[in-house]
């Protein structure tokens, strides 16, 4: 699949495409992430989802799904509102996303609907306070969390 084919995929999904010398970024609405990731992973040689990155952008949580082939990269990007951080899981289509999504759920509070870890902890201790913000959010206060956990 060429850049033209990726541009057509972006257009079909209501997204945009930015092509750089080593990295291509396919930005899509949240409800099109699974289709975008399946589309990228079906490209010859692009079947490796290397990780999913989450980042607190202020009012939104940004999600980047990283695929690589040799020295080239494709990122599928989307954003969900921090006030309602929910997204359909890609784990049913790409099993490699299961643990990455569980990690982002623990650390940034995004609920991935359909992920087998939904509502379970992967990285956080069982005693992590349910009313505390996820630890990698900008509004998280480590000192307050430590006090809530009786660690101080």
Protein backbone atom coordinates (compact mmCIF):
# COMPACT_ATOMS: atom_id res chain seq x y z
CA UNK A 1 0.00 0.00 0.00
CA UNK A 2 1.35 3.37 -0.96
CA UNK A 3 0.92 6.80 0.58
CA UNK A 4 -2.01 7.25 -1.80
CA UNK A 5 -3.66 4.15 -0.35
CA UNK A 6 -3.09 5.44 3.19
CA UNK A 7 -4.54 8.81 2.15
CA UNK A 8 -7.63 6.97 0.84
CA UNK A 9 -7.90 5.09 4.15
CA UNK A 10 -7.65 8.38 6.04
CA UNK A 11 -10.35 9.89 3.85
CA UNK A 12 -12.64 6.86 4.24
CA UNK A 13 -12.29 7.09 8.04
CA UNK A 14 -12.77 10.86 8.25
CA UNK A 15 -9.14 11.37 9.24
CA UNK A 16 -6.01 13.06 8.01
CA UNK A 17 -2.63 11.84 6.91
CA UNK A 18 0.77 13.46 7.42
CA UNK A 19 3.66 11.78 5.63
CA UNK A 20 7.22 12.44 6.79
CA UNK A 21 10.57 10.98 5.71
CA UNK A 22 10.49 8.15 8.31
CA UNK A 23 7.09 8.41 9.96
CA UNK A 24 3.51 8.65 8.75
CA UNK A 25 0.73 9.84 11.05
CA UNK A 26 -2.85 8.77 10.44
CA UNK A 27 -5.15 10.84 12.69
CA UNK A 28 -8.68 9.52 13.06
CA UNK A 29 -11.78 10.13 15.20
CA UNK A 30 -12.00 7.89 18.29
CA UNK A 31 -14.74 5.70 16.84
CA UNK A 32 -12.52 4.80 13.84
CA UNK A 33 -9.39 3.66 15.73
CA UNK A 34 -10.04 -0.06 15.35
CA UNK A 35 -10.70 0.28 11.62
CA UNK A 36 -7.55 2.39 11.20
CA UNK A 37 -5.36 -0.05 13.16
CA UNK A 38 -6.76 -3.05 11.25
CA UNK A 39 -6.20 -1.17 7.99
CA UNK A 40 -2.57 -0.41 8.85
CA UNK A 41 -1.87 -3.91 10.19
CA UNK A 42 -3.21 -5.46 6.98
CA UNK A 43 -0.56 -3.67 4.91
CA UNK A 44 2.23 -6.00 3.79
CA UNK A 45 4.88 -6.03 6.51
CA UNK A 46 3.02 -3.62 8.83
CA UNK A 47 1.47 -6.22 11.12
CA UNK A 48 3.59 -5.31 14.18
CA UNK A 49 1.89 -3.08 16.75
CA UNK A 50 4.94 -2.10 18.79
CA UNK A 51 3.14 -0.15 21.54
CA UNK A 52 0.35 2.27 22.36
CA UNK A 53 1.27 5.58 23.96
CA UNK A 54 -1.09 7.71 26.02
CA UNK A 55 -0.51 11.35 26.91
CA UNK A 56 -2.41 13.88 28.99
CA UNK A 57 -3.06 16.84 26.70
CA UNK A 58 -4.98 18.93 29.22
CA UNK A 59 -8.66 18.48 28.43
CA UNK A 60 -8.05 15.34 26.37
CA UNK A 61 -6.06 12.13 26.48
CA UNK A 62 -4.09 11.52 23.29
CA UNK A 63 -3.54 7.95 22.10
CA UNK A 64 -0.89 6.88 19.60
CA UNK A 65 -0.82 3.36 18.17
CA UNK A 66 2.70 2.68 16.85
CA UNK A 67 3.37 0.30 13.95
CA UNK A 68 6.80 -0.25 12.45
CA UNK A 69 8.41 -1.95 9.49
CA UNK A 70 12.19 -1.76 9.22
CA UNK A 71 13.03 1.91 9.68
CA UNK A 72 9.60 3.26 8.82
CA UNK A 73 6.80 4.02 11.25
CA UNK A 74 3.06 4.58 11.06
CA UNK A 75 1.21 6.10 13.99
CA UNK A 76 -2.55 5.99 14.32
CA UNK A 77 -3.55 8.93 16.50
CA UNK A 78 -6.76 9.89 18.24
CA UNK A 79 -7.96 11.82 21.29
CA UNK A 80 -10.67 11.21 23.87
CA UNK A 81 -12.08 13.81 26.27
CA UNK A 82 -10.60 13.59 29.75
CA UNK A 83 -14.11 14.06 31.16
CA UNK A 84 -15.27 10.81 29.48
CA UNK A 85 -12.14 8.79 28.60
CA UNK A 86 -13.73 5.79 26.87
CA UNK A 87 -12.71 4.08 23.67
CA UNK A 88 -13.53 0.81 21.96
CA UNK A 89 -10.72 -1.71 22.51
CA UNK A 90 -8.68 -2.90 19.54
CA UNK A 91 -7.87 -6.13 21.43
CA UNK A 92 -10.53 -8.18 19.65
CA UNK A 93 -9.01 -7.25 16.28
CA UNK A 94 -5.35 -7.00 17.37
CA UNK A 95 -4.54 -9.08 20.45
CA UNK A 96 -1.22 -7.22 20.82
CA UNK A 97 -3.16 -4.20 22.07
CA UNK A 98 -4.58 -5.95 25.15
CA UNK A 99 -1.81 -5.23 27.66
CA UNK A 100 -0.93 -1.83 26.21
CA UNK A 101 -4.55 -0.74 26.71
CA UNK A 102 -4.57 -2.14 30.26
CA UNK A 103 -1.45 -0.11 31.04
CA UNK A 104 -3.04 3.09 29.72
CA UNK A 105 -6.21 2.34 31.70
CA UNK A 106 -4.16 2.12 34.92
CA UNK A 107 -1.92 5.10 34.33
CA UNK A 108 -4.21 7.55 32.48
CA UNK A 109 -7.73 6.29 33.24
CA UNK A 110 -8.91 5.49 29.71
CA UNK A 111 -11.51 2.69 29.73
CA UNK A 112 -11.13 0.43 26.70
CA UNK A 113 -14.54 -1.16 26.14
CA UNK A 114 -14.15 -4.84 25.29
CA UNK A 115 -10.66 -5.23 26.77
CA UNK A 116 -10.50 -8.24 29.13
CA UNK A 117 -8.69 -6.08 31.73
CA UNK A 118 -11.51 -3.48 31.81
CA UNK A 119 -11.96 -2.46 35.44
CA UNK A 120 -9.00 -4.54 36.66
CA UNK A 121 -5.56 -3.31 37.70
CA UNK A 122 -2.46 -4.34 35.78
CA UNK A 123 0.27 -2.06 37.14
CA UNK A 124 -1.27 -0.23 40.09
CA UNK A 125 -1.41 -1.83 43.54
CA UNK A 126 -4.77 -3.15 44.74
CA UNK A 127 -4.74 -0.51 47.49
CA UNK A 128 -4.59 2.37 44.96
CA UNK A 129 -7.49 4.65 45.97
CA UNK A 130 -10.41 4.41 43.52
CA UNK A 131 -11.15 8.14 43.98
CA UNK A 132 -7.55 9.20 43.21
CA UNK A 133 -6.73 10.41 39.70
CA UNK A 134 -4.65 8.05 37.57
CA UNK A 135 -0.96 8.67 38.36
CA UNK A 136 0.16 10.00 34.95
CA UNK A 137 -2.52 12.64 34.65
CA UNK A 138 -1.37 16.22 35.05
CA UNK A 139 -3.89 16.81 37.84
CA UNK A 140 -2.46 13.93 39.88
CA UNK A 141 -0.72 14.87 43.12
CA UNK A 142 1.68 12.09 44.21
CA UNK A 143 1.87 13.39 47.80
CA UNK A 144 -1.92 13.32 48.20
CA UNK A 145 -2.06 9.83 46.72
CA UNK A 146 0.63 8.59 49.10
CA UNK A 147 -1.37 10.00 52.03
CA UNK A 148 -4.56 8.38 50.74
CA UNK A 149 -2.69 5.07 50.61
CA UNK A 150 -1.33 5.58 54.18
CA UNK A 151 2.24 5.54 52.89
CA UNK A 152 3.22 8.68 54.81
